[in-house]
């Protein structure tokens, strides 16, 4: 009986070891998948073979991950970027990025900074030449942060909560 007990015990321990190894492998796979989907990783991968540009490179990055994406793009292209604008959610600015202007704005309801950031981005790209390139990076919540309403901002601020509450 004691021999049977030790055999069963050995099998259970072996299965526990195998489960630990499987869990470890699964954790590694999940971590790699998440890392590759992060905005900065995705941008770096996408820009790895960025073409040479004869003219200027103007960067516009908007959304909750706007700062992260812009920082990643700047880490790859650095001084090749001639300027641009980042429009991100309040408290998502982690500091200066080269020569980019960073604007924090309202979400889920656009505010005056949303409109100002949008205007700055439009002004940054409006005079680009045929040899220039605009690199436009967009992440989630960009629609609220990047707004140029055709109605007064006061009316927009009243209307937006109603739109958010509707189904």
Foldseek 3Di string as FASTA:
>chain_A
DVVVVVVVVVVVVVVVVVVVVVVVVVVVVVVVVVVCPDLLNVLLVVCVCPDDFPDAEEEEAEEQCRQSNLLSNCVRCPPSHPEYETEHAPPSHPDDRHRYHYFHADPPATDPSLQVRLVRRCVRPVPDDPRYHYHYHYDPSRVRSHDDDPDDRVVSNVVVVVVVPDD
